[in-house]
Amino acid sequence: MSQLVRLQDIQATHRDLIGDDYYDPTGKTAYGVDEDKIGKIDGALVEDTTGRIRYLIVDAGGWFSSKEVLVPAGLARIVGDDVFFDSLTKAQVEAMETYDHDYQYSYKEQYENDRKAFIADTVPVAERMEIQDHAYNAPNTLELLEERLTVNKDRIIAGLVKVGKHVVTEQRNVDVNLEEEHAHIERTNVDRPTDRRIGDVNGNETIEVELQAERARVSKETYVAEEVTVGKTTESHTETIVETIQREELDIDRDGNVVDREGNIITRDDITAEDVRRARGL
């Protein structure tokens, strides 16, 4: 019956068993179902005969004030510095036994404990699950990440047009034809007798004739001389934005083997994204 030992202990006593390219999840952030933050990974338990990671020690401080549990490593999905347990619920963790740092765990014993915890009466029926054997295999799926550019457009004020008006004064000459009357006196010699006597009252009669003339009278009227309409036109132009993005690529040789930067073959069947990063010197 294989025993389970902490990864940090086997690093000191059996480094030849695990080599130098092993995956250490300690310190990574842990998330449960619906990506709810659980807490962090406090370490791992490995088989003392093979060095394979079988359990992750999860500090569930995000769900409980203080509780560490053992979660089968195969339930984990590792993305960068985050560990996701997509099916792990709070009720399941509550049904698990608290991890004891001083207890000597065996693979078979903990295997049986798991089957009890995940179907415990305190776990809602919809959250109960049967643990399969593959749930104890450390993750071997690499998620290669890449950055993509997202371009948005903002509306800004590029210019301002103001249209106003002001008064301009100018002198304008207008020619007007005016008429006026002038006296014209005609004298005609007459030789006829009359009964009137010189000196009679009527002898001082005068004749008045009104002389009329036209006078210019100037008035001003306002007319609309011009209409101004202000509109807008839209012009399109293409602007090239240069930005640096990154992506992760898997290094393999012609035979399909995963290799490091120097071309050395990595022979682990449970390689993770962290393994590849370390092998590539990232």
C-alpha atoms as a PDB file:
ATOM      1  CA  MET A   1       0.000   0.000   0.000  1.00  0.00           C
ATOM      2  CA  SER A   2       1.654   3.226  -1.194  1.00  0.00           C
ATOM      3  CA  GLN A   3       2.016   6.072   1.222  1.00  0.00           C
ATOM      4  CA  LEU A   4       1.356   9.718   0.514  1.00  0.00           C
ATOM      5  CA  VAL A   5       4.001  12.273   1.427  1.00  0.00           C
ATOM      6  CA  ARG A   6       4.116  16.024   1.092  1.00  0.00           C
ATOM      7  CA  LEU A   7       5.771  17.273  -2.049  1.00  0.00           C
ATOM      8  CA  GLN A   8       8.041  19.547  -0.026  1.00  0.00           C
ATOM      9  CA  ASP A   9       9.290  16.536   1.962  1.00  0.00           C
ATOM     10  CA  ILE A  10      10.051  14.390  -1.076  1.00  0.00           C
ATOM     11  CA  GLN A  11      11.923  17.305  -2.590  1.00  0.00           C
ATOM     12  CA  ALA A  12      14.408  17.035   0.257  1.00  0.00           C
ATOM     13  CA  THR A  13      14.640  13.248   0.571  1.00  0.00           C
ATOM     14  CA  HIS A  14      13.918  11.755  -2.861  1.00  0.00           C
ATOM     15  CA  ARG A  15      14.782  14.407  -5.455  1.00  0.00           C
ATOM     16  CA  ASP A  16      16.048  11.604  -7.713  1.00  0.00           C
ATOM     17  CA  LEU A  17      12.479  10.235  -7.786  1.00  0.00           C
ATOM     18  CA  ILE A  18      10.766  13.396  -9.020  1.00  0.00           C
ATOM     19  CA  GLY A  19      13.629  14.969 -10.975  1.00  0.00           C
ATOM     20  CA  ASP A  20      14.042  18.679 -11.541  1.00  0.00           C
ATOM     21  CA  ASP A  21      11.103  19.406 -13.871  1.00  0.00           C
ATOM     22  CA  TYR A  22       8.222  18.507 -11.530  1.00  0.00           C
ATOM     23  CA  TYR A  23       5.150  20.709 -11.166  1.00  0.00           C
ATOM     24  CA  ASP A  24       4.746  22.495  -7.831  1.00  0.00           C
ATOM     25  CA  PRO A  25       1.292  24.131  -7.377  1.00  0.00           C
ATOM     26  CA  THR A  26       2.064  25.603  -3.940  1.00  0.00           C
ATOM     27  CA  GLY A  27       0.901  29.188  -3.495  1.00  0.00           C
ATOM     28  CA  LYS A  28      -1.417  29.281  -6.496  1.00  0.00           C
ATOM     29  CA  THR A  29      -4.940  30.692  -6.147  1.00  0.00           C
ATOM     30  CA  ALA A  30      -7.727  28.087  -5.982  1.00  0.00           C
ATOM     31  CA  TYR A  31     -11.244  28.476  -7.399  1.00  0.00           C
ATOM     32  CA  GLY A  32     -14.282  26.236  -7.021  1.00  0.00           C
ATOM     33  CA  VAL A  33     -17.511  25.808  -8.968  1.00  0.00           C
ATOM     34  CA  ASP A  34     -18.570  28.900 -10.941  1.00  0.00           C
ATOM     35  CA  GLU A  35     -15.002  30.208 -10.437  1.00  0.00           C
ATOM     36  CA  ASP A  36     -15.792  31.111  -6.843  1.00  0.00           C
ATOM     37  CA  LYS A  37     -12.528  31.824  -5.038  1.00  0.00           C
ATOM     38  CA  ILE A  38     -11.789  29.122  -2.447  1.00  0.00           C
ATOM     39  CA  GLY A  39      -8.402  30.194  -1.167  1.00  0.00           C
ATOM     40  CA  LYS A  40      -4.978  28.911  -2.186  1.00  0.00           C
ATOM     41  CA  ILE A  41      -2.995  25.722  -2.764  1.00  0.00           C
ATOM     42  CA  ASP A  42      -0.893  24.941   0.307  1.00  0.00           C
ATOM     43  CA  GLY A  43       1.009  22.035  -1.226  1.00  0.00           C
ATOM     44  CA  ALA A  44       0.535  18.558  -2.668  1.00  0.00           C
ATOM     45  CA  LEU A  45       0.682  14.886  -1.647  1.00  0.00           C
ATOM     46  CA  VAL A  46       2.600  12.500  -3.886  1.00  0.00           C
ATOM     47  CA  GLU A  47       3.080   8.731  -3.941  1.00  0.00           C
ATOM     48  CA  ASP A  48       6.291   7.784  -2.178  1.00  0.00           C
ATOM     49  CA  THR A  49       7.079   5.145  -4.822  1.00  0.00           C
ATOM     50  CA  THR A  50       6.360   7.013  -8.060  1.00  0.00           C
ATOM     51  CA  GLY A  51       6.515  10.693  -7.111  1.00  0.00           C
ATOM     52  CA  ARG A  52       3.173  11.295  -8.866  1.00  0.00           C
ATOM     53  CA  ILE A  53       0.974  14.033  -7.449  1.00  0.00           C
ATOM     54  CA  ARG A  54      -2.300  12.497  -6.232  1.00  0.00           C
ATOM     55  CA  TYR A  55      -3.805  15.252  -4.033  1.00  0.00           C
ATOM     56  CA  LEU A  56      -3.650  19.005  -3.779  1.00  0.00           C
ATOM     57  CA  ILE A  57      -3.742  20.499  -0.286  1.00  0.00           C
ATOM     58  CA  VAL A  58      -6.366  23.261  -0.520  1.00  0.00           C
ATOM     59  CA  ASP A  59      -6.588  26.006   2.079  1.00  0.00           C
ATOM     60  CA  ALA A  60     -10.320  26.817   1.886  1.00  0.00           C
ATOM     61  CA  GLY A  61     -10.036  30.098   3.796  1.00  0.00           C
ATOM     62  CA  GLY A  62     -12.265  31.782   1.258  1.00  0.00           C
ATOM     63  CA  TRP A  63     -15.188  29.489   2.159  1.00  0.00           C
ATOM     64  CA  PHE A  64     -14.359  28.725   5.778  1.00  0.00           C
ATOM     65  CA  SER A  65     -12.474  30.652   8.415  1.00  0.00           C
ATOM     66  CA  SER A  66      -9.874  27.888   8.703  1.00  0.00           C
ATOM     67  CA  LYS A  67      -9.925  24.531   6.941  1.00  0.00           C
ATOM     68  CA  GLU A  68      -7.486  22.553   4.807  1.00  0.00           C
ATOM     69  CA  VAL A  69      -8.651  19.573   2.759  1.00  0.00           C
ATOM     70  CA  LEU A  70      -7.234  17.074   0.289  1.00  0.00           C
ATOM     71  CA  VAL A  71      -8.736  17.349  -3.203  1.00  0.00           C
ATOM     72  CA  PRO A  72      -7.935  14.747  -5.897  1.00  0.00           C
ATOM     73  CA  ALA A  73      -5.411  16.298  -8.286  1.00  0.00           C
ATOM     74  CA  GLY A  74      -7.338  15.190 -11.375  1.00  0.00           C
ATOM     75  CA  LEU A  75     -10.223  17.525 -10.524  1.00  0.00           C
ATOM     76  CA  ALA A  76      -7.933  20.516 -11.056  1.00  0.00           C
ATOM     77  CA  ARG A  77      -7.640  22.605 -14.201  1.00  0.00           C
ATOM     78  CA  ILE A  78      -4.486  24.697 -14.179  1.00  0.00           C
ATOM     79  CA  VAL A  79      -4.304  27.990 -16.052  1.00  0.00           C
ATOM     80  CA  GLY A  80      -1.158  29.984 -15.425  1.00  0.00           C
ATOM     81  CA  ASP A  81      -1.030  30.812 -11.713  1.00  0.00           C
ATOM     82  CA  ASP A  82      -4.649  29.767 -11.063  1.00  0.00           C
ATOM     83  CA  VAL A  83      -6.057  26.345 -10.204  1.00  0.00           C
ATOM     84  CA  PHE A  84      -9.716  25.733 -11.041  1.00  0.00           C
ATOM     85  CA  PHE A  85     -11.810  22.944  -9.505  1.00  0.00           C
ATOM     86  CA  ASP A  86     -14.786  23.315 -11.840  1.00  0.00           C
ATOM     87  CA  SER A  87     -17.051  20.820 -10.032  1.00  0.00           C
ATOM     88  CA  LEU A  88     -15.974  21.399  -6.417  1.00  0.00           C
ATOM     89  CA  THR A  89     -18.707  22.897  -4.205  1.00  0.00           C
ATOM     90  CA  LYS A  90     -18.692  24.344  -0.714  1.00  0.00           C
ATOM     91  CA  ALA A  91     -20.905  21.514   0.573  1.00  0.00           C
ATOM     92  CA  GLN A  92     -18.419  18.923  -0.705  1.00  0.00           C
ATOM     93  CA  VAL A  93     -15.502  20.649   1.020  1.00  0.00           C
ATOM     94  CA  GLU A  94     -17.520  20.908   4.229  1.00  0.00           C
ATOM     95  CA  ALA A  95     -18.072  17.118   4.148  1.00  0.00           C
ATOM     96  CA  MET A  96     -14.338  16.415   3.768  1.00  0.00           C
ATOM     97  CA  GLU A  97     -12.107  15.656   6.723  1.00  0.00           C
ATOM     98  CA  THR A  98      -9.706  18.407   7.750  1.00  0.00           C
ATOM     99  CA  TYR A  99      -6.173  17.726   6.602  1.00  0.00           C
ATOM    100  CA  ASP A 100      -3.841  16.698   9.441  1.00  0.00           C
ATOM    101  CA  HIS A 101      -0.214  17.687   8.848  1.00  0.00           C
ATOM    102  CA  ASP A 102       1.045  15.043  11.270  1.00  0.00           C
ATOM    103  CA  TYR A 103      -1.004  12.096   9.975  1.00  0.00           C
ATOM    104  CA  GLN A 104       0.528   9.501   7.670  1.00  0.00           C
ATOM    105  CA  TYR A 105      -1.944   9.204   4.813  1.00  0.00           C
ATOM    106  CA  SER A 106      -2.109   6.192   2.510  1.00  0.00           C
ATOM    107  CA  TYR A 107      -3.407   6.311  -1.040  1.00  0.00           C
ATOM    108  CA  LYS A 108      -5.963   3.519  -0.475  1.00  0.00           C
ATOM    109  CA  GLU A 109      -7.300   4.975   2.765  1.00  0.00           C
ATOM    110  CA  GLN A 110      -7.808   8.463   1.353  1.00  0.00           C
ATOM    111  CA  TYR A 111      -9.286   6.928  -1.795  1.00  0.00           C
ATOM    112  CA  GLU A 112     -12.080   5.432   0.334  1.00  0.00           C
ATOM    113  CA  ASN A 113     -12.574   8.654   2.309  1.00  0.00           C
ATOM    114  CA  ASP A 114     -13.175  10.542  -0.930  1.00  0.00           C
ATOM    115  CA  ARG A 115     -15.995   8.254  -1.958  1.00  0.00           C
ATOM    116  CA  LYS A 116     -17.750   8.935   1.324  1.00  0.00           C
ATOM    117  CA  ALA A 117     -17.247  12.708   1.324  1.00  0.00           C
ATOM    118  CA  PHE A 118     -18.507  13.406  -2.196  1.00  0.00           C
ATOM    119  CA  ILE A 119     -21.801  11.540  -1.601  1.00  0.00           C
ATOM    120  CA  ALA A 120     -22.317  12.497   2.068  1.00  0.00           C
ATOM    121  CA  ASP A 121     -25.856  13.191   3.274  1.00  0.00           C
ATOM    122  CA  THR A 122     -24.916  16.812   3.929  1.00  0.00           C
ATOM    123  CA  VAL A 123     -24.133  17.321   0.249  1.00  0.00           C
ATOM    124  CA  PRO A 124     -27.165  18.325  -1.865  1.00  0.00           C
ATOM    125  CA  VAL A 125     -28.241  15.561  -4.243  1.00  0.00           C
ATOM    126  CA  ALA A 126     -27.454  17.667  -7.289  1.00  0.00           C
ATOM    127  CA  GLU A 127     -23.854  18.147  -6.067  1.00  0.00           C
ATOM    128  CA  ARG A 128     -23.089  14.528  -5.207  1.00  0.00           C
ATOM    129  CA  MET A 129     -20.631  12.788  -7.503  1.00  0.00           C
ATOM    130  CA  GLU A 130     -18.892   9.457  -7.886  1.00  0.00           C
ATOM    131  CA  ILE A 131     -15.110   9.864  -7.955  1.00  0.00           C
ATOM    132  CA  GLN A 132     -13.530   8.100 -10.932  1.00  0.00           C
ATOM    133  CA  ASP A 133      -9.994   6.721 -11.022  1.00  0.00           C
ATOM    134  CA  HIS A 134      -8.816   9.367 -13.482  1.00  0.00           C
ATOM    135  CA  ALA A 135      -9.579  12.017 -10.866  1.00  0.00           C
ATOM    136  CA  TYR A 136      -6.268  11.095  -9.211  1.00  0.00           C
ATOM    137  CA  ASN A 137      -4.103  11.838 -12.231  1.00  0.00           C
ATOM    138  CA  ALA A 138      -2.413  15.214 -12.132  1.00  0.00           C
ATOM    139  CA  PRO A 139      -3.543  17.563 -14.929  1.00  0.00           C
ATOM    140  CA  ASN A 140      -1.802  16.902 -18.237  1.00  0.00           C
ATOM    141  CA  THR A 141      -3.642  19.401 -20.405  1.00  0.00           C
ATOM    142  CA  LEU A 142      -1.835  22.561 -21.388  1.00  0.00           C
ATOM    143  CA  GLU A 143      -3.853  25.676 -22.028  1.00  0.00           C
ATOM    144  CA  LEU A 144      -1.881  27.842 -24.442  1.00  0.00           C
ATOM    145  CA  LEU A 145      -2.745  31.495 -23.949  1.00  0.00           C
ATOM    146  CA  GLU A 146      -2.565  34.386 -26.378  1.00  0.00           C
ATOM    147  CA  GLU A 147      -3.343  38.061 -26.253  1.00  0.00           C
ATOM    148  CA  ARG A 148      -5.690  39.631 -28.773  1.00  0.00           C
ATOM    149  CA  LEU A 149      -6.205  43.264 -29.618  1.00  0.00           C
ATOM    150  CA  THR A 150      -9.582  44.803 -28.955  1.00  0.00           C
ATOM    151  CA  VAL A 151     -10.064  48.163 -30.646  1.00  0.00           C
ATOM    152  CA  ASN A 152     -12.800  50.555 -29.566  1.00  0.00           C
ATOM    153  CA  LYS A 153     -13.606  54.015 -30.871  1.00  0.00           C
ATOM    154  CA  ASP A 154     -14.150  57.081 -28.729  1.00  0.00           C
ATOM    155  CA  ARG A 155     -16.032  60.173 -29.888  1.00  0.00           C
ATOM    156  CA  ILE A 156     -13.983  63.337 -29.384  1.00  0.00           C
ATOM    157  CA  ILE A 157     -14.407  67.036 -30.298  1.00  0.00           C
ATOM    158  CA  ALA A 158     -12.035  67.563 -33.232  1.00  0.00           C
ATOM    159  CA  GLY A 159     -13.101  71.100 -34.128  1.00  0.00           C
ATOM    160  CA  LEU A 160     -15.701  73.792 -33.496  1.00  0.00           C
ATOM    161  CA  VAL A 161     -17.460  75.999 -36.037  1.00  0.00           C
ATOM    162  CA  LYS A 162     -19.221  79.199 -34.933  1.00  0.00           C
ATOM    163  CA  VAL A 163     -21.330  81.262 -37.340  1.00  0.00           C
ATOM    164  CA  GLY A 164     -22.441  84.748 -36.281  1.00  0.00           C
ATOM    165  CA  LYS A 165     -23.259  88.080 -37.884  1.00  0.00           C
ATOM    166  CA  HIS A 166     -22.345  91.756 -37.472  1.00  0.00           C
ATOM    167  CA  VAL A 167     -23.578  95.098 -38.845  1.00  0.00           C
ATOM    168  CA  VAL A 168     -21.687  96.797 -41.665  1.00  0.00           C
ATOM    169  CA  THR A 169     -22.430 100.487 -42.373  1.00  0.00           C
ATOM    170  CA  GLU A 170     -22.012 101.895 -45.868  1.00  0.00           C
ATOM    171  CA  GLN A 171     -23.234 104.925 -47.835  1.00  0.00           C
ATOM    172  CA  ARG A 172     -25.440 104.284 -50.826  1.00  0.00           C
ATOM    173  CA  ASN A 173     -26.295 106.961 -53.477  1.00  0.00           C
ATOM    174  CA  VAL A 174     -29.815 106.991 -54.961  1.00  0.00           C
ATOM    175  CA  ASP A 175     -30.749 109.282 -57.894  1.00  0.00           C
ATOM    176  CA  VAL A 176     -34.296 110.712 -57.638  1.00  0.00           C
ATOM    177  CA  ASN A 177     -35.970 112.882 -60.287  1.00  0.00           C
ATOM    178  CA  LEU A 178     -37.797 115.828 -58.606  1.00  0.00           C
ATOM    179  CA  GLU A 179     -40.100 118.405 -60.199  1.00  0.00           C
ATOM    180  CA  GLU A 180     -40.700 122.011 -59.134  1.00  0.00           C
ATOM    181  CA  GLU A 181     -42.779 124.847 -60.553  1.00  0.00           C
ATOM    182  CA  HIS A 182     -41.423 128.247 -61.562  1.00  0.00           C
ATOM    183  CA  ALA A 183     -43.451 131.456 -62.301  1.00  0.00           C
ATOM    184  CA  HIS A 184     -43.623 132.432 -65.908  1.00  0.00           C
ATOM    185  CA  ILE A 185     -44.955 135.927 -66.596  1.00  0.00           C
ATOM    186  CA  GLU A 186     -46.270 136.901 -69.964  1.00  0.00           C
ATOM    187  CA  ARG A 187     -47.063 140.529 -70.734  1.00  0.00           C
ATOM    188  CA  THR A 188     -49.373 141.438 -73.636  1.00  0.00           C
ATOM    189  CA  ASN A 189     -50.033 144.937 -74.917  1.00  0.00           C
ATOM    190  CA  VAL A 190     -53.805 145.724 -74.814  1.00  0.00           C
ATOM    191  CA  ASP A 191     -55.670 148.807 -76.155  1.00  0.00           C
ATOM    192  CA  ARG A 192     -59.303 148.760 -75.039  1.00  0.00           C
ATOM    193  CA  PRO A 193     -61.500 151.221 -73.110  1.00  0.00           C
ATOM    194  CA  THR A 194     -62.628 150.524 -69.470  1.00  0.00           C
ATOM    195  CA  ASP A 195     -65.037 152.164 -66.962  1.00  0.00           C
ATOM    196  CA  ARG A 196     -62.585 151.871 -64.049  1.00  0.00           C
ATOM    197  CA  ARG A 197     -60.634 154.842 -62.824  1.00  0.00           C
ATOM    198  CA  ILE A 198     -57.083 154.868 -61.778  1.00  0.00           C
ATOM    199  CA  GLY A 199     -56.893 154.910 -58.021  1.00  0.00           C
ATOM    200  CA  ASP A 200     -60.058 152.911 -57.456  1.00  0.00           C
ATOM    201  CA  VAL A 201     -59.886 150.480 -54.589  1.00  0.00           C
ATOM    202  CA  ASN A 202     -59.719 147.557 -56.832  1.00  0.00           C
ATOM    203  CA  GLY A 203     -56.782 149.102 -58.533  1.00  0.00           C
ATOM    204  CA  ASN A 204     -54.290 147.552 -55.936  1.00  0.00           C
ATOM    205  CA  GLU A 205     -55.309 144.004 -56.598  1.00  0.00           C
ATOM    206  CA  THR A 206     -52.598 141.368 -56.517  1.00  0.00           C
ATOM    207  CA  ILE A 207     -52.543 137.885 -57.968  1.00  0.00           C
ATOM    208  CA  GLU A 208     -51.132 134.952 -56.012  1.00  0.00           C
ATOM    209  CA  VAL A 209     -50.049 131.781 -57.708  1.00  0.00           C
ATOM    210  CA  GLU A 210     -48.764 128.795 -55.668  1.00  0.00           C
ATOM    211  CA  LEU A 211     -45.603 127.312 -57.011  1.00  0.00           C
ATOM    212  CA  GLN A 212     -45.207 123.591 -56.137  1.00  0.00           C
ATOM    213  CA  ALA A 213     -42.022 121.529 -55.946  1.00  0.00           C
ATOM    214  CA  GLU A 214     -41.218 117.847 -55.159  1.00  0.00           C
ATOM    215  CA  ARG A 215     -39.003 117.019 -52.155  1.00  0.00           C
ATOM    216  CA  ALA A 216     -37.211 113.707 -51.679  1.00  0.00           C
ATOM    217  CA  ARG A 217     -38.382 111.659 -48.678  1.00  0.00           C
ATOM    218  CA  VAL A 218     -36.058 108.745 -47.837  1.00  0.00           C
ATOM    219  CA  SER A 219     -37.164 105.727 -45.783  1.00  0.00           C
ATOM    220  CA  LYS A 220     -35.464 102.366 -45.124  1.00  0.00           C
ATOM    221  CA  GLU A 221     -36.969  98.866 -45.288  1.00  0.00           C
ATOM    222  CA  THR A 222     -35.283  95.632 -44.141  1.00  0.00           C
ATOM    223  CA  TYR A 223     -34.997  92.672 -46.513  1.00  0.00           C
ATOM    224  CA  VAL A 224     -33.514  89.188 -46.124  1.00  0.00           C
ATOM    225  CA  ALA A 225     -30.532  89.321 -48.473  1.00  0.00           C
ATOM    226  CA  GLU A 226     -28.948  85.894 -47.829  1.00  0.00           C
ATOM    227  CA  GLU A 227     -29.486  82.666 -45.880  1.00  0.00           C
ATOM    228  CA  VAL A 228     -26.624  80.727 -44.287  1.00  0.00           C
ATOM    229  CA  THR A 229     -27.042  77.042 -43.373  1.00  0.00           C
ATOM    230  CA  VAL A 230     -24.384  75.228 -41.308  1.00  0.00           C
ATOM    231  CA  GLY A 231     -24.151  71.456 -41.776  1.00  0.00           C
ATOM    232  CA  LYS A 232     -21.636  68.656 -41.127  1.00  0.00           C
ATOM    233  CA  THR A 233     -20.025  66.083 -43.398  1.00  0.00           C
ATOM    234  CA  THR A 234     -18.345  62.870 -42.207  1.00  0.00           C
ATOM    235  CA  GLU A 235     -15.085  61.666 -43.693  1.00  0.00           C
ATOM    236  CA  SER A 236     -13.621  58.215 -42.950  1.00  0.00           C
ATOM    237  CA  HIS A 237      -9.961  57.385 -42.734  1.00  0.00           C
ATOM    238  CA  THR A 238      -7.992  54.307 -41.731  1.00  0.00           C
ATOM    239  CA  GLU A 239      -5.576  54.545 -38.819  1.00  0.00           C
ATOM    240  CA  THR A 240      -3.039  51.776 -38.200  1.00  0.00           C
ATOM    241  CA  ILE A 241      -2.506  50.942 -34.512  1.00  0.00           C
ATOM    242  CA  VAL A 242       0.658  49.013 -33.619  1.00  0.00           C
ATOM    243  CA  GLU A 243       0.622  47.046 -30.365  1.00  0.00           C
ATOM    244  CA  THR A 244       2.697  44.124 -29.110  1.00  0.00           C
ATOM    245  CA  ILE A 245       0.805  40.979 -28.097  1.00  0.00           C
ATOM    246  CA  GLN A 246       1.965  37.624 -26.766  1.00  0.00           C
ATOM    247  CA  ARG A 247       0.892  34.014 -27.165  1.00  0.00           C
ATOM    248  CA  GLU A 248       2.104  30.684 -25.927  1.00  0.00           C
ATOM    249  CA  GLU A 249       3.219  27.965 -28.331  1.00  0.00           C
ATOM    250  CA  LEU A 250       4.026  24.355 -27.591  1.00  0.00           C
ATOM    251  CA  ASP A 251       7.564  23.165 -28.395  1.00  0.00           C
ATOM    252  CA  ILE A 252       7.603  19.712 -30.033  1.00  0.00           C
ATOM    253  CA  ASP A 253      10.094  17.810 -32.188  1.00  0.00           C
ATOM    254  CA  ARG A 254       9.386  15.971 -35.430  1.00  0.00           C
ATOM    255  CA  ASP A 255       8.206  12.888 -33.542  1.00  0.00           C
ATOM    256  CA  GLY A 256       5.647  14.873 -31.535  1.00  0.00           C
ATOM    257  CA  ASN A 257       7.636  14.862 -28.295  1.00  0.00           C
ATOM    258  CA  VAL A 258       7.533  17.892 -26.014  1.00  0.00           C
ATOM    259  CA  VAL A 259      10.985  19.471 -25.874  1.00  0.00           C
ATOM    260  CA  ASP A 260      12.644  22.390 -24.137  1.00  0.00           C
ATOM    261  CA  ARG A 261      14.473  25.245 -25.844  1.00  0.00           C
ATOM    262  CA  GLU A 262      17.610  23.142 -26.307  1.00  0.00           C
ATOM    263  CA  GLY A 263      15.649  20.285 -27.919  1.00  0.00           C
ATOM    264  CA  ASN A 264      15.774  17.955 -24.902  1.00  0.00           C
ATOM    265  CA  ILE A 265      12.767  15.647 -24.724  1.00  0.00           C
ATOM    266  CA  ILE A 266      10.512  15.980 -21.670  1.00  0.00           C
ATOM    267  CA  THR A 267       9.230  12.451 -20.980  1.00  0.00           C
ATOM    268  CA  ARG A 268       6.476  13.126 -18.400  1.00  0.00           C
ATOM    269  CA  ASP A 269       2.966  12.045 -19.337  1.00  0.00           C
ATOM    270  CA  ASP A 270       1.399  14.515 -16.896  1.00  0.00           C
ATOM    271  CA  ILE A 271       3.162  17.649 -18.151  1.00  0.00           C
ATOM    272  CA  THR A 272       1.460  20.914 -17.338  1.00  0.00           C
ATOM    273  CA  ALA A 273       1.625  24.481 -18.562  1.00  0.00           C
ATOM    274  CA  GLU A 274       3.983  25.315 -15.718  1.00  0.00           C
ATOM    275  CA  ASP A 275       6.310  22.490 -16.800  1.00  0.00           C
ATOM    276  CA  VAL A 276       6.575  23.888 -20.299  1.00  0.00           C
ATOM    277  CA  ARG A 277       7.181  27.417 -19.029  1.00  0.00           C
ATOM    278  CA  ARG A 278       9.950  26.215 -16.744  1.00  0.00           C
ATOM    279  CA  ALA A 279      11.478  24.103 -19.518  1.00  0.00           C
ATOM    280  CA  ARG A 280      11.458  27.091 -21.852  1.00  0.00           C
ATOM    281  CA  GLY A 281      13.074  29.303 -19.234  1.00  0.00           C
ATOM    282  CA  LEU A 282      10.050  31.559 -18.791  1.00  0.00           C
END
